[in-house]
Amino acid sequence: MSDVFIRSAEYAGLLTYNGSGFQANSVQFDRIDGWNLGDGDQHFVGDFN
């Protein structure tokens, strides 16, 4: 495992493992491009390597 997707009602973030712990790689508030982050969103897990 090298990345972890985290989510709250208004935030989405990606944590990346750096060998000794996780660091925030990206944190988005309210919107990601045209996607308005909200409570009703669904997320599906996949390995896209």
PDB file of N, CA and C in Angstrom:
ATOM      1  N   MET A   1       0.860  -1.182   0.000  1.00  0.00           N
ATOM      2  CA  MET A   1       0.000   0.000   0.000  1.00  0.00           C
ATOM      3  C   MET A   1       0.896   1.232   0.000  1.00  0.00           C
ATOM      4  N   SER A   2       0.611   2.169  -0.886  1.00  0.00           N
ATOM      5  CA  SER A   2       1.410   3.388  -0.921  1.00  0.00           C
ATOM      6  C   SER A   2       0.560   4.648  -0.828  1.00  0.00           C
ATOM      7  N   ASP A   3      -0.720   4.584  -1.194  1.00  0.00           N
ATOM      8  CA  ASP A   3      -1.597   5.753  -1.147  1.00  0.00           C
ATOM      9  C   ASP A   3      -2.883   5.413  -0.409  1.00  0.00           C
ATOM     10  N   VAL A   4      -3.420   6.407   0.300  1.00  0.00           N
ATOM     11  CA  VAL A   4      -4.688   6.253   1.009  1.00  0.00           C
ATOM     12  C   VAL A   4      -5.570   7.439   0.661  1.00  0.00           C
ATOM     13  N   PHE A   5      -6.781   7.171   0.207  1.00  0.00           N
ATOM     14  CA  PHE A   5      -7.769   8.208  -0.084  1.00  0.00           C
ATOM     15  C   PHE A   5      -8.573   8.455   1.184  1.00  0.00           C
ATOM     16  N   ILE A   6      -8.669   9.709   1.618  1.00  0.00           N
ATOM     17  CA  ILE A   6      -9.441  10.062   2.807  1.00  0.00           C
ATOM     18  C   ILE A   6     -10.534  11.039   2.416  1.00  0.00           C
ATOM     19  N   ARG A   7     -11.629  11.025   3.173  1.00  0.00           N
ATOM     20  CA  ARG A   7     -12.778  11.824   2.770  1.00  0.00           C
ATOM     21  C   ARG A   7     -13.608  12.255   3.962  1.00  0.00           C
ATOM     22  N   SER A   8     -14.101  13.472   3.935  1.00  0.00           N
ATOM     23  CA  SER A   8     -15.136  13.962   4.842  1.00  0.00           C
ATOM     24  C   SER A   8     -16.199  14.605   3.962  1.00  0.00           C
ATOM     25  N   ALA A   9     -17.210  15.218   4.559  1.00  0.00           N
ATOM     26  CA  ALA A   9     -18.300  15.800   3.763  1.00  0.00           C
ATOM     27  C   ALA A   9     -17.797  16.859   2.781  1.00  0.00           C
ATOM     28  N   GLU A  10     -16.833  17.667   3.155  1.00  0.00           N
ATOM     29  CA  GLU A  10     -16.384  18.773   2.306  1.00  0.00           C
ATOM     30  C   GLU A  10     -14.942  18.644   1.810  1.00  0.00           C
ATOM     31  N   TYR A  11     -14.200  17.662   2.293  1.00  0.00           N
ATOM     32  CA  TYR A  11     -12.793  17.515   1.923  1.00  0.00           C
ATOM     33  C   TYR A  11     -12.532  16.147   1.311  1.00  0.00           C
ATOM     34  N   ALA A  12     -11.556  16.095   0.416  1.00  0.00           N
ATOM     35  CA  ALA A  12     -11.027  14.841  -0.108  1.00  0.00           C
ATOM     36  C   ALA A  12      -9.511  14.980  -0.128  1.00  0.00           C
ATOM     37  N   GLY A  13      -8.824  13.918   0.208  1.00  0.00           N
ATOM     38  CA  GLY A  13      -7.376  13.996   0.239  1.00  0.00           C
ATOM     39  C   GLY A  13      -6.721  12.689  -0.141  1.00  0.00           C
ATOM     40  N   LEU A  14      -5.457  12.784  -0.517  1.00  0.00           N
ATOM     41  CA  LEU A  14      -4.658  11.620  -0.848  1.00  0.00           C
ATOM     42  C   LEU A  14      -3.402  11.666   0.014  1.00  0.00           C
ATOM     43  N   LEU A  15      -3.212  10.625   0.838  1.00  0.00           N
ATOM     44  CA  LEU A  15      -2.014  10.488   1.653  1.00  0.00           C
ATOM     45  C   LEU A  15      -1.084   9.507   0.958  1.00  0.00           C
ATOM     46  N   THR A  16       0.194   9.834   0.909  1.00  0.00           N
ATOM     47  CA  THR A  16       1.189   8.980   0.275  1.00  0.00           C
ATOM     48  C   THR A  16       2.196   8.521   1.320  1.00  0.00           C
ATOM     49  N   TYR A  17       2.513   7.224   1.318  1.00  0.00           N
ATOM     50  CA  TYR A  17       3.493   6.667   2.244  1.00  0.00           C
ATOM     51  C   TYR A  17       4.887   6.990   1.739  1.00  0.00           C
ATOM     52  N   ASN A  18       5.730   7.558   2.614  1.00  0.00           N
ATOM     53  CA  ASN A  18       7.065   7.987   2.196  1.00  0.00           C
ATOM     54  C   ASN A  18       8.182   7.106   2.756  1.00  0.00           C
ATOM     55  N   GLY A  19       7.840   5.931   3.279  1.00  0.00           N
ATOM     56  CA  GLY A  19       8.847   5.030   3.829  1.00  0.00           C
ATOM     57  C   GLY A  19       8.880   5.024   5.344  1.00  0.00           C
ATOM     58  N   SER A  20       8.464   6.129   5.960  1.00  0.00           N
ATOM     59  CA  SER A  20       8.443   6.185   7.426  1.00  0.00           C
ATOM     60  C   SER A  20       7.093   6.636   7.969  1.00  0.00           C
ATOM     61  N   GLY A  21       6.213   7.078   7.103  1.00  0.00           N
ATOM     62  CA  GLY A  21       4.882   7.527   7.520  1.00  0.00           C
ATOM     63  C   GLY A  21       4.138   8.097   6.326  1.00  0.00           C
ATOM     64  N   PHE A  22       2.954   8.597   6.578  1.00  0.00           N
ATOM     65  CA  PHE A  22       2.136   9.174   5.511  1.00  0.00           C
ATOM     66  C   PHE A  22       2.269  10.689   5.493  1.00  0.00           C
ATOM     67  N   GLN A  23       2.217  11.276   4.317  1.00  0.00           N
ATOM     68  CA  GLN A  23       2.181  12.730   4.168  1.00  0.00           C
ATOM     69  C   GLN A  23       1.076  13.090   3.191  1.00  0.00           C
ATOM     70  N   ALA A  24       0.507  14.274   3.382  1.00  0.00           N
ATOM     71  CA  ALA A  24      -0.572  14.731   2.500  1.00  0.00           C
ATOM     72  C   ALA A  24       0.006  15.032   1.126  1.00  0.00           C
ATOM     73  N   ASN A  25      -0.490  14.347   0.121  1.00  0.00           N
ATOM     74  CA  ASN A  25      -0.072  14.557  -1.262  1.00  0.00           C
ATOM     75  C   ASN A  25      -0.985  15.575  -1.936  1.00  0.00           C
ATOM     76  N   SER A  26      -2.279  15.504  -1.622  1.00  0.00           N
ATOM     77  CA  SER A  26      -3.266  16.412  -2.197  1.00  0.00           C
ATOM     78  C   SER A  26      -4.449  16.520  -1.245  1.00  0.00           C
ATOM     79  N   VAL A  27      -4.912  17.747  -1.006  1.00  0.00           N
ATOM     80  CA  VAL A  27      -6.112  17.982  -0.196  1.00  0.00           C
ATOM     81  C   VAL A  27      -6.991  18.963  -0.963  1.00  0.00           C
ATOM     82  N   GLN A  28      -8.255  18.595  -1.185  1.00  0.00           N
ATOM     83  CA  GLN A  28      -9.194  19.429  -1.927  1.00  0.00           C
ATOM     84  C   GLN A  28     -10.366  19.798  -1.029  1.00  0.00           C
ATOM     85  N   PHE A  29     -10.821  21.037  -1.125  1.00  0.00           N
ATOM     86  CA  PHE A  29     -11.975  21.502  -0.360  1.00  0.00           C
ATOM     87  C   PHE A  29     -13.127  21.832  -1.299  1.00  0.00           C
ATOM     88  N   ASP A  30     -14.303  21.322  -1.024  1.00  0.00           N
ATOM     89  CA  ASP A  30     -15.570  21.651  -1.678  1.00  0.00           C
ATOM     90  C   ASP A  30     -15.713  21.113  -3.100  1.00  0.00           C
ATOM     91  N   ARG A  31     -14.722  21.293  -3.972  1.00  0.00           N
ATOM     92  CA  ARG A  31     -14.845  20.864  -5.365  1.00  0.00           C
ATOM     93  C   ARG A  31     -13.542  20.261  -5.877  1.00  0.00           C
ATOM     94  N   ILE A  32     -13.707  19.264  -6.754  1.00  0.00           N
ATOM     95  CA  ILE A  32     -12.594  18.745  -7.548  1.00  0.00           C
ATOM     96  C   ILE A  32     -13.045  18.894  -8.990  1.00  0.00           C
ATOM     97  N   ASP A  33     -12.471  19.868  -9.672  1.00  0.00           N
ATOM     98  CA  ASP A  33     -12.945  20.273 -11.003  1.00  0.00           C
ATOM     99  C   ASP A  33     -14.451  20.526 -10.934  1.00  0.00           C
ATOM    100  N   GLY A  34     -15.273  19.787 -11.668  1.00  0.00           N
ATOM    101  CA  GLY A  34     -16.715  20.005 -11.661  1.00  0.00           C
ATOM    102  C   GLY A  34     -17.470  19.201 -10.611  1.00  0.00           C
ATOM    103  N   TRP A  35     -16.764  18.384  -9.833  1.00  0.00           N
ATOM    104  CA  TRP A  35     -17.400  17.533  -8.830  1.00  0.00           C
ATOM    105  C   TRP A  35     -17.560  18.306  -7.535  1.00  0.00           C
ATOM    106  N   ASN A  36     -18.799  18.563  -7.141  1.00  0.00           N
ATOM    107  CA  ASN A  36     -19.100  19.240  -5.881  1.00  0.00           C
ATOM    108  C   ASN A  36     -19.161  18.185  -4.781  1.00  0.00           C
ATOM    109  N   LEU A  37     -18.168  18.179  -3.893  1.00  0.00           N
ATOM    110  CA  LEU A  37     -18.099  17.184  -2.827  1.00  0.00           C
ATOM    111  C   LEU A  37     -19.286  17.329  -1.894  1.00  0.00           C
ATOM    112  N   GLY A  38     -19.926  16.207  -1.538  1.00  0.00           N
ATOM    113  CA  GLY A  38     -21.088  16.252  -0.659  1.00  0.00           C
ATOM    114  C   GLY A  38     -21.269  14.969   0.128  1.00  0.00           C
ATOM    115  N   ASP A  39     -22.190  15.016   1.092  1.00  0.00           N
ATOM    116  CA  ASP A  39     -22.461  13.877   1.971  1.00  0.00           C
ATOM    117  C   ASP A  39     -22.931  12.635   1.220  1.00  0.00           C
ATOM    118  N   GLY A  40     -23.658  12.802   0.124  1.00  0.00           N
ATOM    119  CA  GLY A  40     -24.261  11.672  -0.571  1.00  0.00           C
ATOM    120  C   GLY A  40     -23.359  10.966  -1.562  1.00  0.00           C
ATOM    121  N   ASP A  41     -22.108  11.398  -1.703  1.00  0.00           N
ATOM    122  CA  ASP A  41     -21.194  10.794  -2.673  1.00  0.00           C
ATOM    123  C   ASP A  41     -20.880   9.348  -2.315  1.00  0.00           C
ATOM    124  N   GLN A  42     -20.673   8.537  -3.348  1.00  0.00           N
ATOM    125  CA  GLN A  42     -20.248   7.153  -3.166  1.00  0.00           C
ATOM    126  C   GLN A  42     -18.844   7.001  -3.727  1.00  0.00           C
ATOM    127  N   HIS A  43     -18.075   6.113  -3.125  1.00  0.00           N
ATOM    128  CA  HIS A  43     -16.700   5.865  -3.559  1.00  0.00           C
ATOM    129  C   HIS A  43     -16.509   4.373  -3.752  1.00  0.00           C
ATOM    130  N   PHE A  44     -15.782   4.017  -4.791  1.00  0.00           N
ATOM    131  CA  PHE A  44     -15.504   2.623  -5.095  1.00  0.00           C
ATOM    132  C   PHE A  44     -13.996   2.442  -5.165  1.00  0.00           C
ATOM    133  N   VAL A  45     -13.506   1.353  -4.623  1.00  0.00           N
ATOM    134  CA  VAL A  45     -12.074   1.091  -4.537  1.00  0.00           C
ATOM    135  C   VAL A  45     -11.634   0.259  -5.728  1.00  0.00           C
ATOM    136  N   GLY A  46     -10.464   0.604  -6.280  1.00  0.00           N
ATOM    137  CA  GLY A  46      -9.900  -0.167  -7.375  1.00  0.00           C
ATOM    138  C   GLY A  46      -8.391  -0.018  -7.402  1.00  0.00           C
ATOM    139  N   ASP A  47      -7.706  -0.941  -8.018  1.00  0.00           N
ATOM    140  CA  ASP A  47      -6.264  -0.874  -8.210  1.00  0.00           C
ATOM    141  C   ASP A  47      -6.034  -0.636  -9.692  1.00  0.00           C
ATOM    142  N   PHE A  48      -5.608   0.569 -10.052  1.00  0.00           N
ATOM    143  CA  PHE A  48      -5.523   0.982 -11.452  1.00  0.00           C
ATOM    144  C   PHE A  48      -4.082   1.090 -11.934  1.00  0.00           C
ATOM    145  N   ASN A  49      -3.228   0.177 -11.489  1.00  0.00           N
ATOM    146  CA  ASN A  49      -1.824   0.186 -11.928  1.00  0.00           C
ATOM    147  C   ASN A  49      -1.679  -0.420 -13.288  1.00  0.00           C
TER     148      ASN A  49
END
